[in-house]
Amino acid sequence: MLVRAIAKSGKSSLIVDLSGGGVTSIEMLGSKDLSGLYALMAGAVSFDNVVYKDRSSNAHVVPAGMIFPNMPQMNLQALTEVIWQQCC
């Protein structure tokens, strides 16, 4: 997995799991049932509360998380704004 290779080289790395079934989160965290991007975009949690450390490297993961009832559909513009506010 590229994100793990980057982390193992000593660089900071973070992956946002946008796979429909949480495949990346299951592989890296052992679960897909964690607070994640959906909760962040709903304003229910802060960015620090959705970043998890990989079990096998120093990489970090933001899982998609659980969908909230009546939550608006996620769109690329909203995702870009959330990430930009947190890291730049």
N, C-alpha and C. Protein backbone atom coordinates (compact mmCIF):
# COMPACT_ATOMS: atom_id res chain seq x y z
N MET A 1 0.85 -1.17 0.00
CA MET A 1 0.00 0.00 0.00
C MET A 1 0.90 1.24 0.00
N LEU A 2 0.67 2.16 -0.91
CA LEU A 2 1.52 3.32 -1.10
C LEU A 2 1.63 4.16 0.18
N VAL A 3 0.54 4.40 0.86
CA VAL A 3 0.57 5.24 2.06
C VAL A 3 1.50 4.65 3.12
N ARG A 4 1.52 3.33 3.24
CA ARG A 4 2.43 2.68 4.19
C ARG A 4 3.89 2.82 3.76
N ALA A 5 4.14 2.68 2.48
CA ALA A 5 5.51 2.82 1.96
C ALA A 5 6.03 4.24 2.23
N ILE A 6 5.19 5.22 2.04
CA ILE A 6 5.58 6.62 2.30
C ILE A 6 5.89 6.78 3.78
N ALA A 7 5.03 6.25 4.65
CA ALA A 7 5.24 6.35 6.09
C ALA A 7 6.52 5.65 6.52
N LYS A 8 6.78 4.49 5.94
CA LYS A 8 7.98 3.73 6.31
C LYS A 8 9.26 4.41 5.84
N SER A 9 9.15 5.31 4.86
CA SER A 9 10.32 6.07 4.41
C SER A 9 10.61 7.25 5.32
N GLY A 10 9.75 7.45 6.33
CA GLY A 10 9.96 8.53 7.30
C GLY A 10 9.16 9.78 7.03
N LYS A 11 8.38 9.78 5.99
CA LYS A 11 7.56 10.96 5.66
C LYS A 11 6.17 10.82 6.26
N SER A 12 5.54 11.94 6.53
CA SER A 12 4.16 11.93 7.02
C SER A 12 3.24 11.49 5.90
N SER A 13 2.25 10.69 6.24
CA SER A 13 1.30 10.25 5.22
C SER A 13 -0.08 10.06 5.85
N LEU A 14 -1.09 10.40 5.07
CA LEU A 14 -2.47 10.27 5.51
C LEU A 14 -3.30 9.85 4.31
N ILE A 15 -4.18 8.92 4.52
CA ILE A 15 -5.10 8.49 3.45
C ILE A 15 -6.53 8.67 3.95
N VAL A 16 -7.38 9.16 3.07
CA VAL A 16 -8.81 9.29 3.37
C VAL A 16 -9.50 8.13 2.67
N ASP A 17 -10.16 7.29 3.46
CA ASP A 17 -10.82 6.09 2.92
C ASP A 17 -12.17 6.47 2.36
N LEU A 18 -12.26 6.50 1.05
CA LEU A 18 -13.53 6.80 0.39
C LEU A 18 -14.09 5.56 -0.30
N SER A 19 -13.52 4.41 0.05
CA SER A 19 -14.05 3.17 -0.52
C SER A 19 -15.44 2.92 0.06
N GLY A 20 -16.32 2.45 -0.75
CA GLY A 20 -17.70 2.25 -0.30
C GLY A 20 -17.85 1.29 0.86
N GLY A 21 -17.02 0.27 0.92
CA GLY A 21 -17.15 -0.73 1.98
C GLY A 21 -16.16 -0.58 3.11
N GLY A 22 -15.37 0.49 3.10
CA GLY A 22 -14.39 0.69 4.17
C GLY A 22 -13.21 -0.26 4.10
N VAL A 23 -12.87 -0.69 2.89
CA VAL A 23 -11.80 -1.67 2.72
C VAL A 23 -10.48 -1.19 3.31
N THR A 24 -10.12 0.05 3.05
CA THR A 24 -8.86 0.59 3.55
C THR A 24 -8.88 0.69 5.07
N SER A 25 -9.99 1.14 5.63
CA SER A 25 -10.10 1.26 7.09
C SER A 25 -10.00 -0.10 7.77
N ILE A 26 -10.63 -1.09 7.19
CA ILE A 26 -10.57 -2.44 7.77
C ILE A 26 -9.13 -2.95 7.72
N GLU A 27 -8.47 -2.77 6.59
CA GLU A 27 -7.08 -3.23 6.43
C GLU A 27 -6.14 -2.51 7.40
N MET A 28 -6.28 -1.20 7.52
CA MET A 28 -5.31 -0.42 8.29
C MET A 28 -5.67 -0.24 9.76
N LEU A 29 -6.97 -0.28 10.07
CA LEU A 29 -7.41 0.01 11.44
C LEU A 29 -8.08 -1.18 12.11
N GLY A 30 -8.47 -2.17 11.33
CA GLY A 30 -9.16 -3.32 11.89
C GLY A 30 -10.66 -3.12 12.02
N SER A 31 -11.16 -1.96 11.60
CA SER A 31 -12.59 -1.67 11.71
C SER A 31 -12.95 -0.57 10.72
N LYS A 32 -14.20 -0.56 10.30
CA LYS A 32 -14.71 0.55 9.50
C LYS A 32 -15.72 1.36 10.30
N ASP A 33 -16.06 0.87 11.49
CA ASP A 33 -17.09 1.51 12.31
C ASP A 33 -16.48 2.50 13.30
N LEU A 34 -15.85 3.53 12.77
CA LEU A 34 -15.21 4.58 13.56
C LEU A 34 -15.74 5.92 13.09
N SER A 35 -15.62 6.93 13.93
CA SER A 35 -15.95 8.27 13.46
C SER A 35 -15.03 8.61 12.32
N GLY A 36 -15.56 9.28 11.31
CA GLY A 36 -14.73 9.56 10.16
C GLY A 36 -15.19 10.79 9.40
N LEU A 37 -14.95 10.74 8.11
CA LEU A 37 -15.20 11.88 7.25
C LEU A 37 -16.65 12.35 7.30
N TYR A 38 -17.59 11.42 7.31
CA TYR A 38 -19.00 11.83 7.36
C TYR A 38 -19.31 12.62 8.62
N ALA A 39 -18.80 12.19 9.77
CA ALA A 39 -19.03 12.90 11.03
C ALA A 39 -18.35 14.27 11.00
N LEU A 40 -17.16 14.33 10.41
CA LEU A 40 -16.45 15.59 10.28
C LEU A 40 -17.25 16.58 9.43
N MET A 41 -17.74 16.10 8.29
CA MET A 41 -18.49 16.98 7.40
C MET A 41 -19.84 17.38 7.98
N ALA A 42 -20.37 16.57 8.88
CA ALA A 42 -21.64 16.91 9.54
C ALA A 42 -21.41 17.87 10.70
N GLY A 43 -20.13 18.12 11.03
CA GLY A 43 -19.82 19.02 12.14
C GLY A 43 -19.93 18.36 13.50
N ALA A 44 -20.01 17.03 13.54
CA ALA A 44 -20.19 16.32 14.80
C ALA A 44 -18.89 16.11 15.55
N VAL A 45 -17.76 16.15 14.84
CA VAL A 45 -16.44 15.94 15.46
C VAL A 45 -15.42 16.87 14.81
N SER A 46 -14.27 17.01 15.46
CA SER A 46 -13.20 17.81 14.87
C SER A 46 -12.27 16.90 14.07
N PHE A 47 -11.42 17.51 13.27
CA PHE A 47 -10.49 16.76 12.43
C PHE A 47 -9.61 15.84 13.27
N ASP A 48 -9.14 16.33 14.42
CA ASP A 48 -8.29 15.51 15.29
C ASP A 48 -8.97 14.23 15.75
N ASN A 49 -10.29 14.22 15.79
CA ASN A 49 -11.03 13.06 16.27
C ASN A 49 -11.31 12.02 15.19
N VAL A 50 -10.89 12.27 13.96
CA VAL A 50 -11.13 11.30 12.89
C VAL A 50 -9.85 10.80 12.24
N VAL A 51 -8.71 11.19 12.78
CA VAL A 51 -7.42 10.73 12.25
C VAL A 51 -6.91 9.62 13.16
N TYR A 52 -6.69 8.44 12.57
CA TYR A 52 -6.26 7.26 13.33
C TYR A 52 -4.93 6.77 12.79
N LYS A 53 -4.12 6.17 13.66
CA LYS A 53 -2.83 5.62 13.25
C LYS A 53 -3.02 4.19 12.75
N ASP A 54 -2.37 3.91 11.64
CA ASP A 54 -2.37 2.57 11.05
C ASP A 54 -1.77 1.57 12.03
N ARG A 55 -2.29 0.35 12.02
CA ARG A 55 -1.79 -0.70 12.90
C ARG A 55 -0.40 -1.18 12.51
N SER A 56 0.01 -1.02 11.26
CA SER A 56 1.24 -1.61 10.77
C SER A 56 2.32 -0.62 10.35
N SER A 57 2.06 0.67 10.48
CA SER A 57 3.05 1.67 10.08
C SER A 57 2.73 2.98 10.80
N ASN A 58 3.47 4.02 10.46
CA ASN A 58 3.21 5.34 11.03
C ASN A 58 2.26 6.16 10.17
N ALA A 59 1.64 5.52 9.19
CA ALA A 59 0.66 6.20 8.35
C ALA A 59 -0.59 6.52 9.18
N HIS A 60 -1.34 7.49 8.71
CA HIS A 60 -2.59 7.85 9.36
C HIS A 60 -3.75 7.69 8.38
N VAL A 61 -4.92 7.44 8.93
CA VAL A 61 -6.11 7.13 8.14
C VAL A 61 -7.28 7.97 8.63
N VAL A 62 -8.04 8.51 7.69
CA VAL A 62 -9.36 9.09 8.00
C VAL A 62 -10.37 8.16 7.36
N PRO A 63 -11.09 7.38 8.18
CA PRO A 63 -12.09 6.48 7.60
C PRO A 63 -13.30 7.28 7.12
N ALA A 64 -14.09 6.67 6.23
CA ALA A 64 -15.33 7.32 5.80
C ALA A 64 -16.26 7.46 6.99
N GLY A 65 -16.30 6.44 7.83
CA GLY A 65 -17.15 6.48 9.01
C GLY A 65 -18.59 6.13 8.70
N MET A 66 -19.41 6.30 9.70
CA MET A 66 -20.82 5.95 9.58
C MET A 66 -21.61 7.15 9.07
N ILE A 67 -22.58 6.90 8.22
CA ILE A 67 -23.41 7.96 7.66
C ILE A 67 -24.48 8.34 8.68
N PHE A 68 -24.67 9.64 8.86
CA PHE A 68 -25.68 10.15 9.77
C PHE A 68 -27.03 10.23 9.06
N PRO A 69 -28.11 9.95 9.77
CA PRO A 69 -29.44 10.10 9.14
C PRO A 69 -29.65 11.55 8.70
N ASN A 70 -30.30 11.73 7.59
CA ASN A 70 -30.62 13.05 7.03
C ASN A 70 -29.38 13.88 6.69
N MET A 71 -28.25 13.23 6.54
CA MET A 71 -27.04 13.96 6.18
C MET A 71 -27.04 14.23 4.69
N PRO A 72 -26.70 15.47 4.30
CA PRO A 72 -26.65 15.75 2.87
C PRO A 72 -25.58 14.90 2.19
N GLN A 73 -25.79 14.61 0.93
CA GLN A 73 -24.83 13.80 0.19
C GLN A 73 -23.50 14.54 0.10
N MET A 74 -22.41 13.81 0.34
CA MET A 74 -21.08 14.39 0.30
C MET A 74 -20.75 14.74 -1.15
N ASN A 75 -20.13 15.89 -1.33
CA ASN A 75 -19.68 16.25 -2.67
C ASN A 75 -18.22 16.66 -2.63
N LEU A 76 -17.58 16.65 -3.77
CA LEU A 76 -16.16 16.90 -3.86
C LEU A 76 -15.79 18.30 -3.36
N GLN A 77 -16.60 19.28 -3.64
CA GLN A 77 -16.31 20.65 -3.20
C GLN A 77 -16.30 20.72 -1.68
N ALA A 78 -17.28 20.12 -1.02
CA ALA A 78 -17.32 20.13 0.44
C ALA A 78 -16.12 19.38 1.01
N LEU A 79 -15.76 18.26 0.42
CA LEU A 79 -14.61 17.49 0.87
C LEU A 79 -13.34 18.33 0.75
N THR A 80 -13.16 19.00 -0.36
CA THR A 80 -11.99 19.84 -0.58
C THR A 80 -11.92 20.94 0.47
N GLU A 81 -13.04 21.57 0.78
CA GLU A 81 -13.07 22.64 1.77
C GLU A 81 -12.70 22.13 3.15
N VAL A 82 -13.23 20.98 3.54
CA VAL A 82 -12.92 20.40 4.86
C VAL A 82 -11.43 20.12 4.97
N ILE A 83 -10.87 19.48 4.00
CA ILE A 83 -9.44 19.13 4.04
C ILE A 83 -8.59 20.40 4.02
N TRP A 84 -8.93 21.36 3.18
CA TRP A 84 -8.17 22.60 3.08
C TRP A 84 -8.18 23.35 4.40
N GLN A 85 -9.31 23.41 5.09
CA GLN A 85 -9.41 24.11 6.37
C GLN A 85 -8.54 23.46 7.43
N GLN A 86 -8.35 22.15 7.36
CA GLN A 86 -7.65 21.44 8.41
C GLN A 86 -6.14 21.39 8.20
N CYS A 87 -5.69 21.40 6.97
CA CYS A 87 -4.26 21.16 6.76
C CYS A 87 -3.50 22.33 6.19
N CYS A 88 -4.17 23.33 5.67
CA CYS A 88 -3.42 24.37 4.95
C CYS A 88 -3.68 25.75 5.51
